[in-house]
């Protein structure tokens, strides 16, 4: 569960393998979600 406001810079940090890059790839539809949802600009 995470939100990013318009104009915000959100930095994702954490150890390798923690899911950071996968989360980005889900936002850009390079990976499909198994469940839940992501919205971009509604």
ModelCIF file with pLDDT and N, C-alpha, C, O atoms, coordinates in Angstrom:
data_MODEL
#
_entry.id   MODEL 
#
_entity.id                         1 
_entity.type                       polymer 
_entity.pdbx_number_of_molecules   1 
#
_entity_poly.entity_id                      1 
_entity_poly.type                           'polypeptide(L)' 
_entity_poly.nstd_linkage                   no 
_entity_poly.nstd_monomer                   no 
_entity_poly.pdbx_seq_one_letter_code       
;(UNK)(UNK)(UNK)(UNK)(UNK)(UNK)(UNK)(UNK)(UNK)(UNK)(UNK)(UNK)(UNK)(UNK)(UNK)(UNK)
(UNK)(UNK)(UNK)(UNK)(UNK)(UNK)(UNK)(UNK)(UNK)(UNK)(UNK)(UNK)(UNK)(UNK)(UNK)(UNK)
(UNK)(UNK)(UNK)(UNK)(UNK)(UNK)(UNK)(UNK)(UNK)(UNK)
;
_entity_poly.pdbx_seq_one_letter_code_can   XXXXXXXXXXXXXXXXXXXXXXXXXXXXXXXXXXXXXXXXXX 
_entity_poly.pdbx_strand_id                 A 
#
loop_
_entity_poly_seq.entity_id 
_entity_poly_seq.num 
_entity_poly_seq.mon_id 
_entity_poly_seq.hetero 
1 1  UNK n 
1 2  UNK n 
1 3  UNK n 
1 4  UNK n 
1 5  UNK n 
1 6  UNK n 
1 7  UNK n 
1 8  UNK n 
1 9  UNK n 
1 10 UNK n 
1 11 UNK n 
1 12 UNK n 
1 13 UNK n 
1 14 UNK n 
1 15 UNK n 
1 16 UNK n 
1 17 UNK n 
1 18 UNK n 
1 19 UNK n 
1 20 UNK n 
1 21 UNK n 
1 22 UNK n 
1 23 UNK n 
1 24 UNK n 
1 25 UNK n 
1 26 UNK n 
1 27 UNK n 
1 28 UNK n 
1 29 UNK n 
1 30 UNK n 
1 31 UNK n 
1 32 UNK n 
1 33 UNK n 
1 34 UNK n 
1 35 UNK n 
1 36 UNK n 
1 37 UNK n 
1 38 UNK n 
1 39 UNK n 
1 40 UNK n 
1 41 UNK n 
1 42 UNK n 
#
_struct_asym.id          A 
_struct_asym.entity_id   1 
#
loop_
_ma_qa_metric.id 
_ma_qa_metric.mode 
_ma_qa_metric.name 
_ma_qa_metric.software_group_id 
_ma_qa_metric.type 
1 global pLDDT . pLDDT 
2 local  pLDDT . pLDDT 
#
_ma_qa_metric_global.metric_id      1 
_ma_qa_metric_global.metric_value   94.95 
_ma_qa_metric_global.model_id       1 
_ma_qa_metric_global.ordinal_id     1 
#
loop_
_ma_qa_metric_local.label_asym_id 
_ma_qa_metric_local.label_comp_id 
_ma_qa_metric_local.label_seq_id 
_ma_qa_metric_local.metric_id 
_ma_qa_metric_local.metric_value 
_ma_qa_metric_local.model_id 
_ma_qa_metric_local.ordinal_id 
A UNK 1  2 97.00 1 1  
A UNK 2  2 97.00 1 2  
A UNK 3  2 97.00 1 3  
A UNK 4  2 97.00 1 4  
A UNK 5  2 97.00 1 5  
A UNK 6  2 95.00 1 6  
A UNK 7  2 95.00 1 7  
A UNK 8  2 97.00 1 8  
A UNK 9  2 97.00 1 9  
A UNK 10 2 98.00 1 10 
A UNK 11 2 97.00 1 11 
A UNK 12 2 98.00 1 12 
A UNK 13 2 97.00 1 13 
A UNK 14 2 96.00 1 14 
A UNK 15 2 95.00 1 15 
A UNK 16 2 93.00 1 16 
A UNK 17 2 93.00 1 17 
A UNK 18 2 95.00 1 18 
A UNK 19 2 96.00 1 19 
A UNK 20 2 97.00 1 20 
A UNK 21 2 96.00 1 21 
A UNK 22 2 97.00 1 22 
A UNK 23 2 97.00 1 23 
A UNK 24 2 96.00 1 24 
A UNK 25 2 95.00 1 25 
A UNK 26 2 95.00 1 26 
A UNK 27 2 95.00 1 27 
A UNK 28 2 92.00 1 28 
A UNK 29 2 90.00 1 29 
A UNK 30 2 92.00 1 30 
A UNK 31 2 93.00 1 31 
A UNK 32 2 92.00 1 32 
A UNK 33 2 93.00 1 33 
A UNK 34 2 94.00 1 34 
A UNK 35 2 93.00 1 35 
A UNK 36 2 94.00 1 36 
A UNK 37 2 93.00 1 37 
A UNK 38 2 95.00 1 38 
A UNK 39 2 94.00 1 39 
A UNK 40 2 95.00 1 40 
A UNK 41 2 93.00 1 41 
A UNK 42 2 90.00 1 42 
#
loop_
_atom_site.group_PDB 
_atom_site.id 
_atom_site.type_symbol 
_atom_site.label_atom_id 
_atom_site.label_alt_id 
_atom_site.label_comp_id 
_atom_site.label_asym_id 
_atom_site.label_entity_id 
_atom_site.label_seq_id 
_atom_site.pdbx_PDB_ins_code 
_atom_site.Cartn_x 
_atom_site.Cartn_y 
_atom_site.Cartn_z 
_atom_site.occupancy 
_atom_site.B_iso_or_equiv 
_atom_site.pdbx_formal_charge 
_atom_site.auth_seq_id 
_atom_site.auth_comp_id 
_atom_site.auth_asym_id 
_atom_site.auth_atom_id 
_atom_site.pdbx_PDB_model_num 
ATOM 1   N N  . UNK A 1 1  ? 0.868  -1.178  0.000   1.00 97.00 ? 1  UNK A N  1 
ATOM 2   C CA . UNK A 1 1  ? 0.000  0.000   0.000   1.00 97.00 ? 1  UNK A CA 1 
ATOM 3   C C  . UNK A 1 1  ? 0.903  1.226   0.000   1.00 97.00 ? 1  UNK A C  1 
ATOM 4   O O  . UNK A 1 1  ? 1.698  1.420   0.920   1.00 97.00 ? 1  UNK A O  1 
ATOM 5   N N  . UNK A 1 2  ? 0.777  2.055   -1.040  1.00 97.00 ? 2  UNK A N  1 
ATOM 6   C CA . UNK A 1 2  ? 1.674  3.198   -1.158  1.00 97.00 ? 2  UNK A CA 1 
ATOM 7   C C  . UNK A 1 2  ? 1.037  4.229   -2.088  1.00 97.00 ? 2  UNK A C  1 
ATOM 8   O O  . UNK A 1 2  ? 0.349  3.869   -3.043  1.00 97.00 ? 2  UNK A O  1 
ATOM 9   N N  . UNK A 1 3  ? 1.267  5.509   -1.806  1.00 97.00 ? 3  UNK A N  1 
ATOM 10  C CA . UNK A 1 3  ? 0.780  6.597   -2.642  1.00 97.00 ? 3  UNK A CA 1 
ATOM 11  C C  . UNK A 1 3  ? 1.926  7.536   -2.979  1.00 97.00 ? 3  UNK A C  1 
ATOM 12  O O  . UNK A 1 3  ? 2.873  7.684   -2.206  1.00 97.00 ? 3  UNK A O  1 
ATOM 13  N N  . UNK A 1 4  ? 1.828  8.169   -4.143  1.00 97.00 ? 4  UNK A N  1 
ATOM 14  C CA . UNK A 1 4  ? 2.783  9.184   -4.557  1.00 97.00 ? 4  UNK A CA 1 
ATOM 15  C C  . UNK A 1 4  ? 1.980  10.386  -5.037  1.00 97.00 ? 4  UNK A C  1 
ATOM 16  O O  . UNK A 1 4  ? 1.142  10.261  -5.930  1.00 97.00 ? 4  UNK A O  1 
ATOM 17  N N  . UNK A 1 5  ? 2.235  11.546  -4.447  1.00 97.00 ? 5  UNK A N  1 
ATOM 18  C CA . UNK A 1 5  ? 1.508  12.760  -4.815  1.00 97.00 ? 5  UNK A CA 1 
ATOM 19  C C  . UNK A 1 5  ? 2.072  13.360  -6.093  1.00 97.00 ? 5  UNK A C  1 
ATOM 20  O O  . UNK A 1 5  ? 3.224  13.117  -6.452  1.00 97.00 ? 5  UNK A O  1 
ATOM 21  N N  . UNK A 1 6  ? 1.258  14.138  -6.767  1.00 95.00 ? 6  UNK A N  1 
ATOM 22  C CA . UNK A 1 6  ? 1.714  14.848  -7.953  1.00 95.00 ? 6  UNK A CA 1 
ATOM 23  C C  . UNK A 1 6  ? 2.857  15.782  -7.583  1.00 95.00 ? 6  UNK A C  1 
ATOM 24  O O  . UNK A 1 6  ? 2.746  16.569  -6.643  1.00 95.00 ? 6  UNK A O  1 
ATOM 25  N N  . UNK A 1 7  ? 3.959  15.691  -8.330  1.00 95.00 ? 7  UNK A N  1 
ATOM 26  C CA . UNK A 1 7  ? 5.127  16.524  -8.071  1.00 95.00 ? 7  UNK A CA 1 
ATOM 27  C C  . UNK A 1 7  ? 6.050  16.009  -6.987  1.00 95.00 ? 7  UNK A C  1 
ATOM 28  O O  . UNK A 1 7  ? 7.063  16.643  -6.691  1.00 95.00 ? 7  UNK A O  1 
ATOM 29  N N  . UNK A 1 8  ? 5.726  14.878  -6.389  1.00 97.00 ? 8  UNK A N  1 
ATOM 30  C CA . UNK A 1 8  ? 6.540  14.328  -5.303  1.00 97.00 ? 8  UNK A CA 1 
ATOM 31  C C  . UNK A 1 8  ? 7.682  13.482  -5.854  1.00 97.00 ? 8  UNK A C  1 
ATOM 32  O O  . UNK A 1 8  ? 7.559  12.867  -6.913  1.00 97.00 ? 8  UNK A O  1 
ATOM 33  N N  . UNK A 1 9  ? 8.799  13.460  -5.119  1.00 97.00 ? 9  UNK A N  1 
ATOM 34  C CA . UNK A 1 9  ? 9.905  12.542  -5.387  1.00 97.00 ? 9  UNK A CA 1 
ATOM 35  C C  . UNK A 1 9  ? 9.924  11.521  -4.250  1.00 97.00 ? 9  UNK A C  1 
ATOM 36  O O  . UNK A 1 9  ? 10.237 11.850  -3.106  1.00 97.00 ? 9  UNK A O  1 
ATOM 37  N N  . UNK A 1 10 ? 9.584  10.283  -4.586  1.00 98.00 ? 10 UNK A N  1 
ATOM 38  C CA . UNK A 1 10 ? 9.603  9.190   -3.613  1.00 98.00 ? 10 UNK A CA 1 
ATOM 39  C C  . UNK A 1 10 ? 10.782 8.289   -3.931  1.00 98.00 ? 10 UNK A C  1 
ATOM 40  O O  . UNK A 1 10 ? 10.899 7.790   -5.050  1.00 98.00 ? 10 UNK A O  1 
ATOM 41  N N  . UNK A 1 11 ? 11.660 8.076   -2.953  1.00 97.00 ? 11 UNK A N  1 
ATOM 42  C CA . UNK A 1 11 ? 12.811 7.199   -3.132  1.00 97.00 ? 11 UNK A CA 1 
ATOM 43  C C  . UNK A 1 11 ? 12.550 5.872   -2.433  1.00 97.00 ? 11 UNK A C  1 
ATOM 44  O O  . UNK A 1 11 ? 12.191 5.837   -1.256  1.00 97.00 ? 11 UNK A O  1 
ATOM 45  N N  . UNK A 1 12 ? 12.733 4.782   -3.173  1.00 98.00 ? 12 UNK A N  1 
ATOM 46  C CA . UNK A 1 12 ? 12.604 3.435   -2.626  1.00 98.00 ? 12 UNK A CA 1 
ATOM 47  C C  . UNK A 1 12 ? 13.991 2.912   -2.309  1.00 98.00 ? 12 UNK A C  1 
ATOM 48  O O  . UNK A 1 12 ? 14.850 2.838   -3.188  1.00 98.00 ? 12 UNK A O  1 
ATOM 49  N N  . UNK A 1 13 ? 14.209 2.551   -1.062  1.00 97.00 ? 13 UNK A N  1 
ATOM 50  C CA . UNK A 1 13 ? 15.499 2.007   -0.648  1.00 97.00 ? 13 UNK A CA 1 
ATOM 51  C C  . UNK A 1 13 ? 15.272 0.645   -0.015  1.00 97.00 ? 13 UNK A C  1 
ATOM 52  O O  . UNK A 1 13 ? 14.149 0.284   0.339   1.00 97.00 ? 13 UNK A O  1 
ATOM 53  N N  . UNK A 1 14 ? 16.356 -0.102  0.121   1.00 96.00 ? 14 UNK A N  1 
ATOM 54  C CA . UNK A 1 14 ? 16.257 -1.413  0.736   1.00 96.00 ? 14 UNK A CA 1 
ATOM 55  C C  . UNK A 1 14 ? 17.271 -2.356  0.132   1.00 96.00 ? 14 UNK A C  1 
ATOM 56  O O  . UNK A 1 14 ? 17.867 -2.044  -0.898  1.00 96.00 ? 14 UNK A O  1 
ATOM 57  N N  . UNK A 1 15 ? 17.481 -3.516  0.759   1.00 95.00 ? 15 UNK A N  1 
ATOM 58  C CA . UNK A 1 15 ? 18.479 -4.468  0.259   1.00 95.00 ? 15 UNK A CA 1 
ATOM 59  C C  . UNK A 1 15 ? 18.089 -5.049  -1.087  1.00 95.00 ? 15 UNK A C  1 
ATOM 60  O O  . UNK A 1 15 ? 16.919 -5.015  -1.469  1.00 95.00 ? 15 UNK A O  1 
ATOM 61  N N  . UNK A 1 16 ? 19.065 -5.580  -1.805  1.00 93.00 ? 16 UNK A N  1 
ATOM 62  C CA . UNK A 1 16 ? 18.793 -6.255  -3.065  1.00 93.00 ? 16 UNK A CA 1 
ATOM 63  C C  . UNK A 1 16 ? 17.826 -7.408  -2.827  1.00 93.00 ? 16 UNK A C  1 
ATOM 64  O O  . UNK A 1 16 ? 17.931 -8.129  -1.834  1.00 93.00 ? 16 UNK A O  1 
ATOM 65  N N  . UNK A 1 17 ? 16.877 -7.571  -3.756  1.00 93.00 ? 17 UNK A N  1 
ATOM 66  C CA . UNK A 1 17 ? 15.901 -8.644  -3.628  1.00 93.00 ? 17 UNK A CA 1 
ATOM 67  C C  . UNK A 1 17 ? 14.707 -8.308  -2.777  1.00 93.00 ? 17 UNK A C  1 
ATOM 68  O O  . UNK A 1 17 ? 13.887 -9.181  -2.494  1.00 93.00 ? 17 UNK A O  1 
ATOM 69  N N  . UNK A 1 18 ? 14.586 -7.043  -2.352  1.00 95.00 ? 18 UNK A N  1 
ATOM 70  C CA . UNK A 1 18 ? 13.469 -6.667  -1.468  1.00 95.00 ? 18 UNK A CA 1 
ATOM 71  C C  . UNK A 1 18 ? 12.185 -6.359  -2.234  1.00 95.00 ? 18 UNK A C  1 
ATOM 72  O O  . UNK A 1 18 ? 11.133 -6.183  -1.619  1.00 95.00 ? 18 UNK A O  1 
ATOM 73  N N  . UNK A 1 19 ? 12.251 -6.289  -3.583  1.00 96.00 ? 19 UNK A N  1 
ATOM 74  C CA . UNK A 1 19 ? 11.050 -6.063  -4.380  1.00 96.00 ? 19 UNK A CA 1 
ATOM 75  C C  . UNK A 1 19 ? 10.933 -4.679  -4.981  1.00 96.00 ? 19 UNK A C  1 
ATOM 76  O O  . UNK A 1 19 ? 9.923  -4.365  -5.610  1.00 96.00 ? 19 UNK A O  1 
ATOM 77  N N  . UNK A 1 20 ? 11.948 -3.842  -4.802  1.00 97.00 ? 20 UNK A N  1 
ATOM 78  C CA . UNK A 1 20 ? 11.870 -2.453  -5.260  1.00 97.00 ? 20 UNK A CA 1 
ATOM 79  C C  . UNK A 1 20 ? 11.705 -2.362  -6.780  1.00 97.00 ? 20 UNK A C  1 
ATOM 80  O O  . UNK A 1 20 ? 10.797 -1.695  -7.277  1.00 97.00 ? 20 UNK A O  1 
ATOM 81  N N  . UNK A 1 21 ? 12.591 -3.039  -7.505  1.00 96.00 ? 21 UNK A N  1 
ATOM 82  C CA . UNK A 1 21 ? 12.527 -2.967  -8.966  1.00 96.00 ? 21 UNK A CA 1 
ATOM 83  C C  . UNK A 1 21 ? 11.265 -3.622  -9.498  1.00 96.00 ? 21 UNK A C  1 
ATOM 84  O O  . UNK A 1 21 ? 10.678 -3.138  -10.466 1.00 96.00 ? 21 UNK A O  1 
ATOM 85  N N  . UNK A 1 22 ? 10.841 -4.715  -8.880  1.00 97.00 ? 22 UNK A N  1 
ATOM 86  C CA . UNK A 1 22 ? 9.602  -5.360  -9.311  1.00 97.00 ? 22 UNK A CA 1 
ATOM 87  C C  . UNK A 1 22 ? 8.419  -4.429  -9.144  1.00 97.00 ? 22 UNK A C  1 
ATOM 88  O O  . UNK A 1 22 ? 7.529  -4.397  -9.993  1.00 97.00 ? 22 UNK A O  1 
ATOM 89  N N  . UNK A 1 23 ? 8.399  -3.670  -8.058  1.00 97.00 ? 23 UNK A N  1 
ATOM 90  C CA . UNK A 1 23 ? 7.306  -2.725  -7.845  1.00 97.00 ? 23 UNK A CA 1 
ATOM 91  C C  . UNK A 1 23 ? 7.288  -1.676  -8.954  1.00 97.00 ? 23 UNK A C  1 
ATOM 92  O O  . UNK A 1 23 ? 6.222  -1.348  -9.474  1.00 97.00 ? 23 UNK A O  1 
ATOM 93  N N  . UNK A 1 24 ? 8.456  -1.146  -9.322  1.00 96.00 ? 24 UNK A N  1 
ATOM 94  C CA . UNK A 1 24 ? 8.512  -0.184  -10.420 1.00 96.00 ? 24 UNK A CA 1 
ATOM 95  C C  . UNK A 1 24 ? 8.004  -0.809  -11.710 1.00 96.00 ? 24 UNK A C  1 
ATOM 96  O O  . UNK A 1 24 ? 7.253  -0.179  -12.454 1.00 96.00 ? 24 UNK A O  1 
ATOM 97  N N  . UNK A 1 25 ? 8.409  -2.036  -11.975 1.00 95.00 ? 25 UNK A N  1 
ATOM 98  C CA . UNK A 1 25 ? 8.011  -2.702  -13.218 1.00 95.00 ? 25 UNK A CA 1 
ATOM 99  C C  . UNK A 1 25 ? 6.508  -2.955  -13.254 1.00 95.00 ? 25 UNK A C  1 
ATOM 100 O O  . UNK A 1 25 ? 5.909  -2.998  -14.328 1.00 95.00 ? 25 UNK A O  1 
ATOM 101 N N  . UNK A 1 26 ? 5.905  -3.121  -12.095 1.00 95.00 ? 26 UNK A N  1 
ATOM 102 C CA . UNK A 1 26 ? 4.449  -3.272  -12.044 1.00 95.00 ? 26 UNK A CA 1 
ATOM 103 C C  . UNK A 1 26 ? 3.753  -1.949  -12.363 1.00 95.00 ? 26 UNK A C  1 
ATOM 104 O O  . UNK A 1 26 ? 2.709  -1.937  -13.015 1.00 95.00 ? 26 UNK A O  1 
ATOM 105 N N  . UNK A 1 27 ? 4.331  -0.838  -11.904 1.00 95.00 ? 27 UNK A N  1 
ATOM 106 C CA . UNK A 1 27 ? 3.738  0.471   -12.201 1.00 95.00 ? 27 UNK A CA 1 
ATOM 107 C C  . UNK A 1 27 ? 3.749  0.725   -13.701 1.00 95.00 ? 27 UNK A C  1 
ATOM 108 O O  . UNK A 1 27 ? 2.819  1.330   -14.234 1.00 95.00 ? 27 UNK A O  1 
ATOM 109 N N  . UNK A 1 28 ? 4.800  0.265   -14.391 1.00 92.00 ? 28 UNK A N  1 
ATOM 110 C CA . UNK A 1 28 ? 4.938  0.502   -15.830 1.00 92.00 ? 28 UNK A CA 1 
ATOM 111 C C  . UNK A 1 28 ? 4.410  -0.661  -16.669 1.00 92.00 ? 28 UNK A C  1 
ATOM 112 O O  . UNK A 1 28 ? 4.599  -0.680  -17.885 1.00 92.00 ? 28 UNK A O  1 
ATOM 113 N N  . UNK A 1 29 ? 3.753  -1.625  -16.036 1.00 90.00 ? 29 UNK A N  1 
ATOM 114 C CA . UNK A 1 29 ? 3.148  -2.766  -16.718 1.00 90.00 ? 29 UNK A CA 1 
ATOM 115 C C  . UNK A 1 29 ? 4.168  -3.673  -17.410 1.00 90.00 ? 29 UNK A C  1 
ATOM 116 O O  . UNK A 1 29 ? 3.828  -4.395  -18.347 1.00 90.00 ? 29 UNK A O  1 
ATOM 117 N N  . UNK A 1 30 ? 5.407  -3.633  -16.948 1.00 92.00 ? 30 UNK A N  1 
ATOM 118 C CA . UNK A 1 30 ? 6.375  -4.611  -17.423 1.00 92.00 ? 30 UNK A CA 1 
ATOM 119 C C  . UNK A 1 30 ? 6.187  -5.935  -16.699 1.00 92.00 ? 30 UNK A C  1 
ATOM 120 O O  . UNK A 1 30 ? 6.663  -6.973  -17.158 1.00 92.00 ? 30 UNK A O  1 
ATOM 121 N N  . UNK A 1 31 ? 5.491  -5.897  -15.567 1.00 93.00 ? 31 UNK A N  1 
ATOM 122 C CA . UNK A 1 31 ? 5.066  -7.098  -14.843 1.00 93.00 ? 31 UNK A CA 1 
ATOM 123 C C  . UNK A 1 31 ? 3.594  -6.940  -14.510 1.00 93.00 ? 31 UNK A C  1 
ATOM 124 O O  . UNK A 1 31 ? 3.136  -5.838  -14.208 1.00 93.00 ? 31 UNK A O  1 
ATOM 125 N N  . UNK A 1 32 ? 2.857  -8.028  -14.565 1.00 92.00 ? 32 UNK A N  1 
ATOM 126 C CA . UNK A 1 32 ? 1.436  -8.024  -14.221 1.00 92.00 ? 32 UNK A CA 1 
ATOM 127 C C  . UNK A 1 32 ? 1.251  -8.365  -12.747 1.00 92.00 ? 32 UNK A C  1 
ATOM 128 O O  . UNK A 1 32 ? 1.936  -9.240  -12.217 1.00 92.00 ? 32 UNK A O  1 
ATOM 129 N N  . UNK A 1 33 ? 0.335  -7.680  -12.094 1.00 93.00 ? 33 UNK A N  1 
ATOM 130 C CA . UNK A 1 33 ? 0.031  -7.980  -10.699 1.00 93.00 ? 33 UNK A CA 1 
ATOM 131 C C  . UNK A 1 33 ? -0.686 -9.316  -10.583 1.00 93.00 ? 33 UNK A C  1 
ATOM 132 O O  . UNK A 1 33 ? -1.396 -9.738  -11.495 1.00 93.00 ? 33 UNK A O  1 
ATOM 133 N N  . UNK A 1 34 ? -0.489 -9.974  -9.447  1.00 94.00 ? 34 UNK A N  1 
ATOM 134 C CA . UNK A 1 34 ? -1.291 -11.156 -9.124  1.00 94.00 ? 34 UNK A CA 1 
ATOM 135 C C  . UNK A 1 34 ? -2.590 -10.753 -8.445  1.00 94.00 ? 34 UNK A C  1 
ATOM 136 O O  . UNK A 1 34 ? -3.627 -11.380 -8.664  1.00 94.00 ? 34 UNK A O  1 
ATOM 137 N N  . UNK A 1 35 ? -2.541 -9.715  -7.626  1.00 93.00 ? 35 UNK A N  1 
ATOM 138 C CA . UNK A 1 35 ? -3.751 -9.205  -6.983  1.00 93.00 ? 35 UNK A CA 1 
ATOM 139 C C  . UNK A 1 35 ? -3.482 -7.781  -6.509  1.00 93.00 ? 35 UNK A C  1 
ATOM 140 O O  . UNK A 1 35 ? -2.346 -7.306  -6.522  1.00 93.00 ? 35 UNK A O  1 
ATOM 141 N N  . UNK A 1 36 ? -4.559 -7.109  -6.089  1.00 94.00 ? 36 UNK A N  1 
ATOM 142 C CA . UNK A 1 36 ? -4.466 -5.701  -5.743  1.00 94.00 ? 36 UNK A CA 1 
ATOM 143 C C  . UNK A 1 36 ? -4.563 -4.848  -6.995  1.00 94.00 ? 36 UNK A C  1 
ATOM 144 O O  . UNK A 1 36 ? -4.884 -5.344  -8.075  1.00 94.00 ? 36 UNK A O  1 
ATOM 145 N N  . UNK A 1 37 ? -4.283 -3.559  -6.841  1.00 93.00 ? 37 UNK A N  1 
ATOM 146 C CA . UNK A 1 37 ? -4.335 -2.691  -8.016  1.00 93.00 ? 37 UNK A CA 1 
ATOM 147 C C  . UNK A 1 37 ? -3.386 -1.514  -7.860  1.00 93.00 ? 37 UNK A C  1 
ATOM 148 O O  . UNK A 1 37 ? -2.982 -1.142  -6.758  1.00 93.00 ? 37 UNK A O  1 
ATOM 149 N N  . UNK A 1 38 ? -3.048 -0.942  -9.016  1.00 95.00 ? 38 UNK A N  1 
ATOM 150 C CA . UNK A 1 38 ? -2.282 0.297   -9.089  1.00 95.00 ? 38 UNK A CA 1 
ATOM 151 C C  . UNK A 1 38 ? -3.053 1.241   -9.994  1.00 95.00 ? 38 UNK A C  1 
ATOM 152 O O  . UNK A 1 38 ? -3.544 0.838   -11.049 1.00 95.00 ? 38 UNK A O  1 
ATOM 153 N N  . UNK A 1 39 ? -3.157 2.499   -9.581  1.00 94.00 ? 39 UNK A N  1 
ATOM 154 C CA . UNK A 1 39 ? -3.731 3.537   -10.427 1.00 94.00 ? 39 UNK A CA 1 
ATOM 155 C C  . UNK A 1 39 ? -2.677 4.610   -10.688 1.00 94.00 ? 39 UNK A C  1 
ATOM 156 O O  . UNK A 1 39 ? -1.897 4.955   -9.800  1.00 94.00 ? 39 UNK A O  1 
ATOM 157 N N  . UNK A 1 40 ? -2.660 5.126   -11.896 1.00 95.00 ? 40 UNK A N  1 
ATOM 158 C CA . UNK A 1 40 ? -1.842 6.284   -12.256 1.00 95.00 ? 40 UNK A CA 1 
ATOM 159 C C  . UNK A 1 40 ? -2.780 7.352   -12.800 1.00 95.00 ? 40 UNK A C  1 
ATOM 160 O O  . UNK A 1 40 ? -3.451 7.146   -13.812 1.00 95.00 ? 40 UNK A O  1 
ATOM 161 N N  . UNK A 1 41 ? -2.821 8.479   -12.132 1.00 93.00 ? 41 UNK A N  1 
ATOM 162 C CA . UNK A 1 41 ? -3.695 9.587   -12.502 1.00 93.00 ? 41 UNK A CA 1 
ATOM 163 C C  . UNK A 1 41 ? -5.142 9.119   -12.651 1.00 93.00 ? 41 UNK A C  1 
ATOM 164 O O  . UNK A 1 41 ? -5.848 9.528   -13.573 1.00 93.00 ? 41 UNK A O  1 
ATOM 165 N N  . UNK A 1 42 ? -5.570 8.256   -11.728 1.00 90.00 ? 42 UNK A N  1 
ATOM 166 C CA . UNK A 1 42 ? -6.954 7.809   -11.685 1.00 90.00 ? 42 UNK A CA 1 
ATOM 167 C C  . UNK A 1 42 ? -7.286 6.623   -12.565 1.00 90.00 ? 42 UNK A C  1 
ATOM 168 O O  . UNK A 1 42 ? -8.433 6.177   -12.592 1.00 90.00 ? 42 UNK A O  1 
#
